[in-house]
Amino acid sequence: MTLRLALLTSVAASGLLAALPIAAQEPFRVAFLASSSQNGYNQAIYAGVQEAAAEHGVAVEIFDGAFDSTKQFSQVEDVVAGGRFNAFIVTPNDTVGIAPALEEATSAGITVATTLFPVGPELSNMEPQVPGLTTTVAANPANGATAQAQAVVDFCADKDPCRVVVMIGQLIYPFDNLRNDTFKAVLGTHANIQIVATGEGNYDPDASLTAMQDILQANPEVDAVLSNADQHLIGVEIALADAGIDASSVFLIGGGLNQITVDAIRAGKVDATLAEYPKSMGKAALEAVLTTLEGGTAPTWIDPTTLGSAPMIVTKEWLDAHPDFTAEWQG
């Protein structure tokens, strides 16, 4: 129970609650500005926000950014102007462009935390780059991308050539550009590895299916698919099957550690994924802004890789050794 909730409970028990101002009786209100409320990863972050909010008596509300940076920027402005929320948590669509809106929010006295990515020009800098920003719950995207690419390097060690398809989210996003550049930098140091094509999956199975179908028409021989998102692999698998390619013959690695991919790895259909913990991320963000609202000091950076039990790259070998493991989101 939080200090605020405990105080209200004590006052209510003494029969004095009605004497308190209405504002003092109301719970803190926190907005969650999703990059897209239809996206499973964002839904998992919000599930963590809701779980922590229920534990602490906090009211929460979600806003759909629809993978549209302009819309999300306007939502931040509306939240600030509306005056209904004490704090908000944002999963940014544009990690650079949204910074002025967040600075406006912190200047107005609103407590702000970000999840998944830091906000500002330096994606590798987890400390606040926006004045007044409370907490960043995010990992350096380049670290995960490096680990994913190294898994492909290990697979390709005895293949020459080893033909790799990169399936990225959207290259208009700074974080996906960083991931893509990291993939190319790691793979590019190995002469036997050829990146034959790069597709944009937009974190959507259907978009990934279309992108992979187009790639296979021009590049029918593929040894590995390196993707930053588990959602992409669903479309990739279908495209491979439609082309008459056994998916188990292609090294498939995603990112996010959702349950669909966990099941696929256990079944031998997918080889690996980058471990992430979106529900724990949302819970940590809510608890950080609540600590700040109650006058405490929250950590400026929470590393989400420390919030779960799995290794950075999850494989069938690890899952077989941990048969009870369950992912934090379905996919």
C-alpha atoms as a PDB file:
ATOM      1  CA  MET A   1       0.000   0.000   0.000  1.00  0.00           C
ATOM      2  CA  THR A   2       1.364   3.443  -0.918  1.00  0.00           C
ATOM      3  CA  LEU A   3       1.778   6.264   1.576  1.00  0.00           C
ATOM      4  CA  ARG A   4      -1.025   8.220  -0.077  1.00  0.00           C
ATOM      5  CA  LEU A   5      -3.438   5.267  -0.076  1.00  0.00           C
ATOM      6  CA  ALA A   6      -2.527   4.397   3.502  1.00  0.00           C
ATOM      7  CA  LEU A   7      -3.235   7.965   4.595  1.00  0.00           C
ATOM      8  CA  LEU A   8      -6.627   8.013   2.926  1.00  0.00           C
ATOM      9  CA  THR A   9      -7.511   4.641   4.423  1.00  0.00           C
ATOM     10  CA  SER A  10      -6.588   5.878   7.897  1.00  0.00           C
ATOM     11  CA  VAL A  11      -8.577   9.086   7.459  1.00  0.00           C
ATOM     12  CA  ALA A  12     -11.582   7.155   6.129  1.00  0.00           C
ATOM     13  CA  ALA A  13     -11.507   4.857   9.142  1.00  0.00           C
ATOM     14  CA  SER A  14     -11.658   7.878  11.449  1.00  0.00           C
ATOM     15  CA  GLY A  15     -14.734   9.200   9.658  1.00  0.00           C
ATOM     16  CA  LEU A  16     -12.995  12.352   8.455  1.00  0.00           C
ATOM     17  CA  LEU A  17     -12.723  11.520   4.723  1.00  0.00           C
ATOM     18  CA  ALA A  18     -15.701  13.699   3.831  1.00  0.00           C
ATOM     19  CA  ALA A  19     -13.897  16.682   5.323  1.00  0.00           C
ATOM     20  CA  LEU A  20     -10.971  16.348   2.913  1.00  0.00           C
ATOM     21  CA  PRO A  21     -10.948  18.384  -0.318  1.00  0.00           C
ATOM     22  CA  ILE A  22     -12.131  16.373  -3.345  1.00  0.00           C
ATOM     23  CA  ALA A  23      -8.669  16.544  -4.940  1.00  0.00           C
ATOM     24  CA  ALA A  24      -7.142  14.949  -1.859  1.00  0.00           C
ATOM     25  CA  GLN A  25      -9.630  12.088  -1.983  1.00  0.00           C
ATOM     26  CA  GLU A  26      -8.912  11.239  -5.606  1.00  0.00           C
ATOM     27  CA  PRO A  27      -6.178   8.745  -6.556  1.00  0.00           C
ATOM     28  CA  PHE A  28      -3.239   9.785  -8.653  1.00  0.00           C
ATOM     29  CA  ARG A  29      -4.078   9.610 -12.354  1.00  0.00           C
ATOM     30  CA  VAL A  30      -1.491   8.293 -14.816  1.00  0.00           C
ATOM     31  CA  ALA A  31      -1.796   8.223 -18.622  1.00  0.00           C
ATOM     32  CA  PHE A  32      -0.055   5.575 -20.699  1.00  0.00           C
ATOM     33  CA  LEU A  33       0.761   6.883 -24.169  1.00  0.00           C
ATOM     34  CA  ALA A  34       1.284   3.746 -26.232  1.00  0.00           C
ATOM     35  CA  SER A  35       3.149   3.874 -29.514  1.00  0.00           C
ATOM     36  CA  SER A  36       0.189   1.748 -30.662  1.00  0.00           C
ATOM     37  CA  SER A  37      -2.507   0.360 -28.393  1.00  0.00           C
ATOM     38  CA  GLN A  38      -3.182  -2.368 -30.985  1.00  0.00           C
ATOM     39  CA  ASN A  39       0.371  -3.670 -30.702  1.00  0.00           C
ATOM     40  CA  GLY A  40       0.845  -6.708 -28.452  1.00  0.00           C
ATOM     41  CA  TYR A  41       4.084  -5.419 -26.941  1.00  0.00           C
ATOM     42  CA  ASN A  42       2.456  -2.127 -25.951  1.00  0.00           C
ATOM     43  CA  GLN A  43      -0.516  -4.015 -24.543  1.00  0.00           C
ATOM     44  CA  ALA A  44       1.885  -6.014 -22.377  1.00  0.00           C
ATOM     45  CA  ILE A  45       3.543  -2.828 -21.095  1.00  0.00           C
ATOM     46  CA  TYR A  46       0.101  -1.472 -20.244  1.00  0.00           C
ATOM     47  CA  ALA A  47      -0.805  -4.723 -18.473  1.00  0.00           C
ATOM     48  CA  GLY A  48       2.180  -4.115 -16.206  1.00  0.00           C
ATOM     49  CA  VAL A  49       1.097  -0.510 -15.659  1.00  0.00           C
ATOM     50  CA  GLN A  50      -2.412  -1.687 -14.761  1.00  0.00           C
ATOM     51  CA  GLU A  51      -1.154  -4.371 -12.392  1.00  0.00           C
ATOM     52  CA  ALA A  52       1.009  -1.932 -10.457  1.00  0.00           C
ATOM     53  CA  ALA A  53      -1.752   0.693 -10.512  1.00  0.00           C
ATOM     54  CA  ALA A  54      -4.233  -1.757  -8.991  1.00  0.00           C
ATOM     55  CA  GLU A  55      -1.757  -2.621  -6.255  1.00  0.00           C
ATOM     56  CA  HIS A  56      -1.257   1.043  -5.331  1.00  0.00           C
ATOM     57  CA  GLY A  57      -4.704   2.555  -5.889  1.00  0.00           C
ATOM     58  CA  VAL A  58      -3.707   4.571  -8.968  1.00  0.00           C
ATOM     59  CA  ALA A  59      -6.087   5.371 -11.844  1.00  0.00           C
ATOM     60  CA  VAL A  60      -4.665   4.743 -15.328  1.00  0.00           C
ATOM     61  CA  GLU A  61      -5.816   5.351 -18.899  1.00  0.00           C
ATOM     62  CA  ILE A  62      -4.308   4.338 -22.252  1.00  0.00           C
ATOM     63  CA  PHE A  63      -3.916   6.501 -25.370  1.00  0.00           C
ATOM     64  CA  ASP A  64      -3.364   5.021 -28.843  1.00  0.00           C
ATOM     65  CA  GLY A  65      -0.404   6.534 -30.695  1.00  0.00           C
ATOM     66  CA  ALA A  66      -1.263   4.396 -33.759  1.00  0.00           C
ATOM     67  CA  PHE A  67       2.441   4.216 -34.722  1.00  0.00           C
ATOM     68  CA  ASP A  68       2.062   7.878 -35.715  1.00  0.00           C
ATOM     69  CA  SER A  69       4.638  10.246 -34.216  1.00  0.00           C
ATOM     70  CA  THR A  70       2.609  13.364 -35.061  1.00  0.00           C
ATOM     71  CA  LYS A  71      -0.478  11.969 -33.370  1.00  0.00           C
ATOM     72  CA  GLN A  72       1.486  10.995 -30.275  1.00  0.00           C
ATOM     73  CA  PHE A  73       3.065  14.440 -30.045  1.00  0.00           C
ATOM     74  CA  SER A  74      -0.436  15.960 -30.077  1.00  0.00           C
ATOM     75  CA  GLN A  75      -1.570  13.495 -27.415  1.00  0.00           C
ATOM     76  CA  VAL A  76       1.202  14.662 -25.100  1.00  0.00           C
ATOM     77  CA  GLU A  77       0.129  18.276 -25.655  1.00  0.00           C
ATOM     78  CA  ASP A  78      -3.507  17.350 -24.980  1.00  0.00           C
ATOM     79  CA  VAL A  79      -2.610  15.511 -21.766  1.00  0.00           C
ATOM     80  CA  VAL A  80      -0.669  18.532 -20.546  1.00  0.00           C
ATOM     81  CA  ALA A  81      -3.409  20.991 -21.494  1.00  0.00           C
ATOM     82  CA  GLY A  82      -6.205  18.849 -20.066  1.00  0.00           C
ATOM     83  CA  GLY A  83      -4.818  18.849 -16.550  1.00  0.00           C
ATOM     84  CA  ARG A  84      -6.428  15.505 -15.687  1.00  0.00           C
ATOM     85  CA  PHE A  85      -3.235  13.539 -15.094  1.00  0.00           C
ATOM     86  CA  ASN A  86      -0.522  13.770 -12.473  1.00  0.00           C
ATOM     87  CA  ALA A  87       1.885  11.734 -14.582  1.00  0.00           C
ATOM     88  CA  PHE A  88       2.251   9.839 -17.793  1.00  0.00           C
ATOM     89  CA  ILE A  89       4.303   6.985 -19.180  1.00  0.00           C
ATOM     90  CA  VAL A  90       5.162   7.042 -22.871  1.00  0.00           C
ATOM     91  CA  THR A  91       6.408   4.408 -25.284  1.00  0.00           C
ATOM     92  CA  PRO A  92       7.672   6.818 -27.954  1.00  0.00           C
ATOM     93  CA  ASN A  93       7.180   6.516 -31.691  1.00  0.00           C
ATOM     94  CA  ASP A  94       9.787   9.200 -32.415  1.00  0.00           C
ATOM     95  CA  THR A  95      12.451   9.224 -29.725  1.00  0.00           C
ATOM     96  CA  VAL A  96      13.843  12.559 -30.909  1.00  0.00           C
ATOM     97  CA  GLY A  97      10.801  14.441 -32.194  1.00  0.00           C
ATOM     98  CA  ILE A  98       8.726  13.933 -29.054  1.00  0.00           C
ATOM     99  CA  ALA A  99      11.348  15.493 -26.757  1.00  0.00           C
ATOM    100  CA  PRO A 100       9.976  19.100 -26.908  1.00  0.00           C
ATOM    101  CA  ALA A 101       6.499  17.886 -25.954  1.00  0.00           C
ATOM    102  CA  LEU A 102       7.876  15.963 -22.980  1.00  0.00           C
ATOM    103  CA  GLU A 103       9.853  19.003 -21.861  1.00  0.00           C
ATOM    104  CA  GLU A 104       6.612  21.000 -21.976  1.00  0.00           C
ATOM    105  CA  ALA A 105       5.034  18.337 -19.757  1.00  0.00           C
ATOM    106  CA  THR A 106       7.811  18.293 -17.168  1.00  0.00           C
ATOM    107  CA  SER A 107       7.843  22.110 -17.107  1.00  0.00           C
ATOM    108  CA  ALA A 108       4.120  21.975 -16.304  1.00  0.00           C
ATOM    109  CA  GLY A 109       4.863  19.804 -13.281  1.00  0.00           C
ATOM    110  CA  ILE A 110       3.775  16.495 -14.785  1.00  0.00           C
ATOM    111  CA  THR A 111       5.857  13.471 -13.820  1.00  0.00           C
ATOM    112  CA  VAL A 112       7.055  11.648 -16.951  1.00  0.00           C
ATOM    113  CA  ALA A 113       8.650   8.236 -17.535  1.00  0.00           C
ATOM    114  CA  THR A 114       9.529   6.541 -20.816  1.00  0.00           C
ATOM    115  CA  THR A 115       9.536   2.846 -21.637  1.00  0.00           C
ATOM    116  CA  LEU A 116      11.316   0.739 -24.257  1.00  0.00           C
ATOM    117  CA  PHE A 117      13.486   3.627 -25.499  1.00  0.00           C
ATOM    118  CA  PRO A 118      15.139   6.736 -24.072  1.00  0.00           C
ATOM    119  CA  VAL A 119      13.934  10.066 -25.417  1.00  0.00           C
ATOM    120  CA  GLY A 120      16.548  12.336 -26.942  1.00  0.00           C
ATOM    121  CA  PRO A 121      19.209  12.333 -29.655  1.00  0.00           C
ATOM    122  CA  GLU A 122      21.344   9.621 -28.018  1.00  0.00           C
ATOM    123  CA  LEU A 123      19.681   6.208 -28.049  1.00  0.00           C
ATOM    124  CA  SER A 124      22.578   4.729 -26.108  1.00  0.00           C
ATOM    125  CA  ASN A 125      22.222   7.263 -23.264  1.00  0.00           C
ATOM    126  CA  MET A 126      19.758   6.024 -20.663  1.00  0.00           C
ATOM    127  CA  GLU A 127      20.121   9.019 -18.362  1.00  0.00           C
ATOM    128  CA  PRO A 128      17.420  11.717 -18.822  1.00  0.00           C
ATOM    129  CA  GLN A 129      18.056  13.861 -21.902  1.00  0.00           C
ATOM    130  CA  VAL A 130      14.837  15.816 -21.342  1.00  0.00           C
ATOM    131  CA  PRO A 131      15.016  18.211 -18.360  1.00  0.00           C
ATOM    132  CA  GLY A 132      12.814  16.970 -15.536  1.00  0.00           C
ATOM    133  CA  LEU A 133      12.265  13.477 -16.961  1.00  0.00           C
ATOM    134  CA  THR A 134      11.829  11.070 -14.056  1.00  0.00           C
ATOM    135  CA  THR A 135      12.761   7.606 -15.282  1.00  0.00           C
ATOM    136  CA  THR A 136      13.739   5.715 -18.413  1.00  0.00           C
ATOM    137  CA  VAL A 137      12.884   2.007 -18.435  1.00  0.00           C
ATOM    138  CA  ALA A 138      14.839   0.873 -21.478  1.00  0.00           C
ATOM    139  CA  ALA A 139      17.859  -1.018 -22.739  1.00  0.00           C
ATOM    140  CA  ASN A 140      20.357   0.181 -25.332  1.00  0.00           C
ATOM    141  CA  PRO A 141      18.920  -1.106 -28.655  1.00  0.00           C
ATOM    142  CA  ALA A 142      22.420  -1.649 -30.038  1.00  0.00           C
ATOM    143  CA  ASN A 143      23.279  -4.136 -27.294  1.00  0.00           C
ATOM    144  CA  GLY A 144      20.389  -6.428 -28.152  1.00  0.00           C
ATOM    145  CA  ALA A 145      20.976  -6.039 -31.889  1.00  0.00           C
ATOM    146  CA  THR A 146      24.620  -6.990 -31.437  1.00  0.00           C
ATOM    147  CA  ALA A 147      23.672 -10.162 -29.562  1.00  0.00           C
ATOM    148  CA  GLN A 148      21.113 -11.103 -32.234  1.00  0.00           C
ATOM    149  CA  ALA A 149      23.578 -10.542 -35.072  1.00  0.00           C
ATOM    150  CA  GLN A 150      26.236 -12.560 -33.261  1.00  0.00           C
ATOM    151  CA  ALA A 151      23.814 -15.490 -33.058  1.00  0.00           C
ATOM    152  CA  VAL A 152      23.525 -15.315 -36.855  1.00  0.00           C
ATOM    153  CA  VAL A 153      27.312 -15.170 -37.163  1.00  0.00           C
ATOM    154  CA  ASP A 154      27.586 -18.330 -35.076  1.00  0.00           C
ATOM    155  CA  PHE A 155      25.022 -20.103 -37.258  1.00  0.00           C
ATOM    156  CA  CYS A 156      26.771 -19.017 -40.450  1.00  0.00           C
ATOM    157  CA  ALA A 157      30.241 -20.102 -39.304  1.00  0.00           C
ATOM    158  CA  ASP A 158      30.337 -23.125 -41.641  1.00  0.00           C
ATOM    159  CA  LYS A 159      28.281 -21.673 -44.515  1.00  0.00           C
ATOM    160  CA  ASP A 160      29.777 -19.830 -47.467  1.00  0.00           C
ATOM    161  CA  PRO A 161      27.879 -18.011 -48.693  1.00  0.00           C
ATOM    162  CA  CYS A 162      25.412 -17.547 -45.836  1.00  0.00           C
ATOM    163  CA  ARG A 163      22.474 -15.548 -47.225  1.00  0.00           C
ATOM    164  CA  VAL A 164      20.716 -13.429 -44.621  1.00  0.00           C
ATOM    165  CA  VAL A 165      17.459 -11.481 -44.785  1.00  0.00           C
ATOM    166  CA  VAL A 166      17.004  -8.643 -42.298  1.00  0.00           C
ATOM    167  CA  MET A 167      13.405  -7.949 -41.301  1.00  0.00           C
ATOM    168  CA  ILE A 168      13.268  -4.646 -39.456  1.00  0.00           C
ATOM    169  CA  GLY A 169      10.302  -2.686 -38.065  1.00  0.00           C
ATOM    170  CA  GLN A 170      10.408   0.659 -39.881  1.00  0.00           C
ATOM    171  CA  LEU A 171      13.549   2.418 -41.006  1.00  0.00           C
ATOM    172  CA  ILE A 172      11.955   5.824 -40.380  1.00  0.00           C
ATOM    173  CA  TYR A 173      12.355   5.121 -36.660  1.00  0.00           C
ATOM    174  CA  PRO A 174      15.721   6.136 -35.142  1.00  0.00           C
ATOM    175  CA  PHE A 175      15.812   3.003 -32.981  1.00  0.00           C
ATOM    176  CA  ASP A 176      15.192   0.688 -35.938  1.00  0.00           C
ATOM    177  CA  ASN A 177      17.873   2.505 -37.916  1.00  0.00           C
ATOM    178  CA  LEU A 178      20.277   1.926 -35.037  1.00  0.00           C
ATOM    179  CA  ARG A 179      19.369  -1.765 -34.920  1.00  0.00           C
ATOM    180  CA  ASN A 180      19.733  -2.114 -38.682  1.00  0.00           C
ATOM    181  CA  ASP A 181      23.081  -0.329 -38.680  1.00  0.00           C
ATOM    182  CA  THR A 182      24.231  -2.604 -35.857  1.00  0.00           C
ATOM    183  CA  PHE A 183      23.139  -5.708 -37.754  1.00  0.00           C
ATOM    184  CA  LYS A 184      25.085  -4.564 -40.816  1.00  0.00           C
ATOM    185  CA  ALA A 185      28.158  -3.653 -38.791  1.00  0.00           C
ATOM    186  CA  VAL A 186      28.358  -7.045 -37.071  1.00  0.00           C
ATOM    187  CA  LEU A 187      27.530  -9.169 -40.115  1.00  0.00           C
ATOM    188  CA  GLY A 188      29.668  -7.033 -42.393  1.00  0.00           C
ATOM    189  CA  THR A 189      32.882  -8.156 -40.723  1.00  0.00           C
ATOM    190  CA  HIS A 190      32.351 -11.722 -41.981  1.00  0.00           C
ATOM    191  CA  ALA A 191      33.106 -12.275 -45.662  1.00  0.00           C
ATOM    192  CA  ASN A 192      30.938 -15.393 -45.900  1.00  0.00           C
ATOM    193  CA  ILE A 193      27.763 -13.551 -44.849  1.00  0.00           C
ATOM    194  CA  GLN A 194      25.662 -11.762 -47.442  1.00  0.00           C
ATOM    195  CA  ILE A 195      22.683  -9.570 -46.502  1.00  0.00           C
ATOM    196  CA  VAL A 196      20.582 -10.300 -49.569  1.00  0.00           C
ATOM    197  CA  ALA A 197      17.612  -8.088 -48.657  1.00  0.00           C
ATOM    198  CA  THR A 198      16.102  -5.888 -45.954  1.00  0.00           C
ATOM    199  CA  GLY A 199      12.351  -5.786 -45.401  1.00  0.00           C
ATOM    200  CA  GLU A 200      10.153  -3.611 -43.192  1.00  0.00           C
ATOM    201  CA  GLY A 201       7.687  -5.634 -41.143  1.00  0.00           C
ATOM    202  CA  ASN A 202       6.095  -2.736 -39.220  1.00  0.00           C
ATOM    203  CA  TYR A 203       5.728  -5.020 -36.177  1.00  0.00           C
ATOM    204  CA  ASP A 204       2.875  -6.744 -37.964  1.00  0.00           C
ATOM    205  CA  PRO A 205       2.612 -10.368 -39.245  1.00  0.00           C
ATOM    206  CA  ASP A 206       0.702  -9.342 -42.382  1.00  0.00           C
ATOM    207  CA  ALA A 207       3.187  -6.631 -43.341  1.00  0.00           C
ATOM    208  CA  SER A 208       6.030  -9.070 -42.695  1.00  0.00           C
ATOM    209  CA  LEU A 209       4.358 -11.719 -44.847  1.00  0.00           C
ATOM    210  CA  THR A 210       4.087  -9.322 -47.792  1.00  0.00           C
ATOM    211  CA  ALA A 211       7.648  -8.076 -47.360  1.00  0.00           C
ATOM    212  CA  MET A 212       9.060 -11.613 -47.150  1.00  0.00           C
ATOM    213  CA  GLN A 213       7.071 -12.781 -50.183  1.00  0.00           C
ATOM    214  CA  ASP A 214       8.565  -9.937 -52.231  1.00  0.00           C
ATOM    215  CA  ILE A 215      12.057 -10.754 -50.969  1.00  0.00           C
ATOM    216  CA  LEU A 216      11.761 -14.450 -51.824  1.00  0.00           C
ATOM    217  CA  GLN A 217      10.693 -13.688 -55.372  1.00  0.00           C
ATOM    218  CA  ALA A 218      14.035 -11.955 -55.948  1.00  0.00           C
ATOM    219  CA  ASN A 219      16.077 -14.106 -53.530  1.00  0.00           C
ATOM    220  CA  PRO A 220      14.716 -17.668 -53.443  1.00  0.00           C
ATOM    221  CA  GLU A 221      17.718 -18.983 -51.495  1.00  0.00           C
ATOM    222  CA  VAL A 222      17.797 -17.834 -47.856  1.00  0.00           C
ATOM    223  CA  ASP A 223      19.818 -19.311 -45.004  1.00  0.00           C
ATOM    224  CA  ALA A 224      18.802 -17.023 -42.134  1.00  0.00           C
ATOM    225  CA  VAL A 225      16.287 -14.330 -41.208  1.00  0.00           C
ATOM    226  CA  LEU A 226      17.382 -11.775 -38.632  1.00  0.00           C
ATOM    227  CA  SER A 227      14.466  -9.812 -37.207  1.00  0.00           C
ATOM    228  CA  ASN A 228      14.180  -7.312 -34.387  1.00  0.00           C
ATOM    229  CA  ALA A 229      10.606  -8.422 -33.558  1.00  0.00           C
ATOM    230  CA  ASP A 230       8.944 -11.768 -32.903  1.00  0.00           C
ATOM    231  CA  GLN A 231       5.767 -10.579 -34.650  1.00  0.00           C
ATOM    232  CA  HIS A 232       7.666 -10.481 -37.926  1.00  0.00           C
ATOM    233  CA  LEU A 233       8.558 -14.157 -37.774  1.00  0.00           C
ATOM    234  CA  ILE A 234       4.902 -15.202 -38.019  1.00  0.00           C
ATOM    235  CA  GLY A 235       4.656 -13.638 -41.471  1.00  0.00           C
ATOM    236  CA  VAL A 236       8.131 -14.853 -42.413  1.00  0.00           C
ATOM    237  CA  GLU A 237       7.217 -18.469 -41.602  1.00  0.00           C
ATOM    238  CA  ILE A 238       4.081 -18.292 -43.747  1.00  0.00           C
ATOM    239  CA  ALA A 239       6.001 -16.778 -46.661  1.00  0.00           C
ATOM    240  CA  LEU A 240       8.646 -19.503 -46.448  1.00  0.00           C
ATOM    241  CA  ALA A 241       5.952 -22.207 -46.421  1.00  0.00           C
ATOM    242  CA  ASP A 242       4.180 -20.619 -49.399  1.00  0.00           C
ATOM    243  CA  ALA A 243       7.489 -20.677 -51.286  1.00  0.00           C
ATOM    244  CA  GLY A 244       7.952 -24.367 -50.520  1.00  0.00           C
ATOM    245  CA  ILE A 245      10.782 -23.758 -48.062  1.00  0.00           C
ATOM    246  CA  ASP A 246      10.884 -25.708 -44.815  1.00  0.00           C
ATOM    247  CA  ALA A 247      11.152 -23.023 -42.108  1.00  0.00           C
ATOM    248  CA  SER A 248      13.178 -25.383 -39.935  1.00  0.00           C
ATOM    249  CA  SER A 249      15.944 -25.296 -42.578  1.00  0.00           C
ATOM    250  CA  VAL A 250      16.287 -21.503 -42.160  1.00  0.00           C
ATOM    251  CA  PHE A 251      17.810 -19.921 -39.046  1.00  0.00           C
ATOM    252  CA  LEU A 252      15.108 -17.642 -37.622  1.00  0.00           C
ATOM    253  CA  ILE A 253      15.775 -15.203 -34.805  1.00  0.00           C
ATOM    254  CA  GLY A 254      13.405 -12.547 -33.495  1.00  0.00           C
ATOM    255  CA  GLY A 255      13.134 -10.191 -30.576  1.00  0.00           C
ATOM    256  CA  GLY A 256      10.710  -9.678 -27.706  1.00  0.00           C
ATOM    257  CA  LEU A 257      10.308 -13.143 -26.167  1.00  0.00           C
ATOM    258  CA  ASN A 258       6.566 -13.549 -26.627  1.00  0.00           C
ATOM    259  CA  GLN A 259       4.766 -16.806 -25.907  1.00  0.00           C
ATOM    260  CA  ILE A 260       4.050 -17.584 -29.563  1.00  0.00           C
ATOM    261  CA  THR A 261       7.788 -17.518 -30.245  1.00  0.00           C
ATOM    262  CA  VAL A 262       8.606 -19.468 -27.079  1.00  0.00           C
ATOM    263  CA  ASP A 263       6.249 -22.210 -28.288  1.00  0.00           C
ATOM    264  CA  ALA A 264       7.751 -22.052 -31.794  1.00  0.00           C
ATOM    265  CA  ILE A 265      11.292 -22.379 -30.425  1.00  0.00           C
ATOM    266  CA  ARG A 266      10.264 -25.358 -28.313  1.00  0.00           C
ATOM    267  CA  ALA A 267       8.704 -26.918 -31.427  1.00  0.00           C
ATOM    268  CA  GLY A 268      11.860 -26.361 -33.492  1.00  0.00           C
ATOM    269  CA  LYS A 269      10.224 -23.880 -35.891  1.00  0.00           C
ATOM    270  CA  VAL A 270      12.155 -20.818 -34.667  1.00  0.00           C
ATOM    271  CA  ASP A 271      15.744 -20.856 -33.429  1.00  0.00           C
ATOM    272  CA  ALA A 272      16.069 -17.957 -31.001  1.00  0.00           C
ATOM    273  CA  THR A 273      14.788 -14.610 -29.762  1.00  0.00           C
ATOM    274  CA  LEU A 274      16.067 -11.610 -27.837  1.00  0.00           C
ATOM    275  CA  ALA A 275      14.663 -11.649 -24.295  1.00  0.00           C
ATOM    276  CA  GLU A 276      12.487  -8.700 -23.301  1.00  0.00           C
ATOM    277  CA  TYR A 277      10.024  -8.170 -20.448  1.00  0.00           C
ATOM    278  CA  PRO A 278       7.355  -5.632 -21.420  1.00  0.00           C
ATOM    279  CA  LYS A 279       4.961  -6.311 -18.543  1.00  0.00           C
ATOM    280  CA  SER A 280       7.729  -5.906 -15.965  1.00  0.00           C
ATOM    281  CA  MET A 281       8.805  -2.772 -17.818  1.00  0.00           C
ATOM    282  CA  GLY A 282       5.353  -1.211 -17.455  1.00  0.00           C
ATOM    283  CA  LYS A 283       5.120  -2.161 -13.792  1.00  0.00           C
ATOM    284  CA  ALA A 284       8.536  -0.655 -13.047  1.00  0.00           C
ATOM    285  CA  ALA A 285       7.609   2.572 -14.845  1.00  0.00           C
ATOM    286  CA  LEU A 286       4.367   2.980 -12.886  1.00  0.00           C
ATOM    287  CA  GLU A 287       6.134   2.363  -9.594  1.00  0.00           C
ATOM    288  CA  ALA A 288       8.844   4.909 -10.534  1.00  0.00           C
ATOM    289  CA  VAL A 289       6.377   7.709 -11.297  1.00  0.00           C
ATOM    290  CA  LEU A 290       4.399   6.889  -8.152  1.00  0.00           C
ATOM    291  CA  THR A 291       7.549   7.112  -6.042  1.00  0.00           C
ATOM    292  CA  THR A 292       8.166  10.561  -7.526  1.00  0.00           C
ATOM    293  CA  LEU A 293       4.573  11.700  -7.009  1.00  0.00           C
ATOM    294  CA  GLU A 294       4.793  10.712  -3.361  1.00  0.00           C
ATOM    295  CA  GLY A 295       7.918  12.808  -2.886  1.00  0.00           C
ATOM    296  CA  GLY A 296      10.493  10.037  -3.126  1.00  0.00           C
ATOM    297  CA  THR A 297      13.437   9.628  -5.465  1.00  0.00           C
ATOM    298  CA  ALA A 298      13.013   7.119  -8.292  1.00  0.00           C
ATOM    299  CA  PRO A 299      15.965   5.702 -10.253  1.00  0.00           C
ATOM    300  CA  THR A 300      16.607   7.712 -13.399  1.00  0.00           C
ATOM    301  CA  TRP A 301      17.257   4.498 -15.330  1.00  0.00           C
ATOM    302  CA  ILE A 302      15.841   1.020 -14.889  1.00  0.00           C
ATOM    303  CA  ASP A 303      17.494  -1.647 -17.037  1.00  0.00           C
ATOM    304  CA  PRO A 304      14.699  -4.018 -18.156  1.00  0.00           C
ATOM    305  CA  THR A 305      17.189  -6.803 -18.875  1.00  0.00           C
ATOM    306  CA  THR A 306      17.475  -7.173 -15.100  1.00  0.00           C
ATOM    307  CA  LEU A 307      13.730  -7.714 -14.655  1.00  0.00           C
ATOM    308  CA  GLY A 308      13.578 -11.307 -15.956  1.00  0.00           C
ATOM    309  CA  SER A 309      15.299 -14.652 -15.587  1.00  0.00           C
ATOM    310  CA  ALA A 310      16.149 -15.606 -19.173  1.00  0.00           C
ATOM    311  CA  PRO A 311      19.507 -15.044 -20.914  1.00  0.00           C
ATOM    312  CA  MET A 312      19.779 -12.274 -23.493  1.00  0.00           C
ATOM    313  CA  ILE A 313      19.342 -14.760 -26.367  1.00  0.00           C
ATOM    314  CA  VAL A 314      16.779 -17.476 -25.622  1.00  0.00           C
ATOM    315  CA  THR A 315      17.233 -20.790 -27.448  1.00  0.00           C
ATOM    316  CA  LYS A 316      15.616 -24.224 -27.408  1.00  0.00           C
ATOM    317  CA  GLU A 317      18.442 -25.494 -25.254  1.00  0.00           C
ATOM    318  CA  TRP A 318      17.641 -22.960 -22.543  1.00  0.00           C
ATOM    319  CA  LEU A 319      13.888 -23.495 -22.803  1.00  0.00           C
ATOM    320  CA  ASP A 320      14.305 -27.276 -22.586  1.00  0.00           C
ATOM    321  CA  ALA A 321      16.253 -26.721 -19.375  1.00  0.00           C
ATOM    322  CA  HIS A 322      13.459 -24.474 -18.062  1.00  0.00           C
ATOM    323  CA  PRO A 323      10.217 -26.257 -19.024  1.00  0.00           C
ATOM    324  CA  ASP A 324       8.056 -24.086 -16.743  1.00  0.00           C
ATOM    325  CA  PHE A 325       9.147 -20.781 -18.289  1.00  0.00           C
ATOM    326  CA  THR A 326       6.276 -18.591 -19.512  1.00  0.00           C
ATOM    327  CA  ALA A 327       6.679 -15.390 -21.485  1.00  0.00           C
ATOM    328  CA  GLU A 328       5.222 -12.097 -20.245  1.00  0.00           C
ATOM    329  CA  TRP A 329       3.100 -11.530 -23.351  1.00  0.00           C
ATOM    330  CA  GLN A 330       1.318 -13.639 -25.916  1.00  0.00           C
ATOM    331  CA  GLY A 331       2.444 -11.892 -29.085  1.00  0.00           C
END
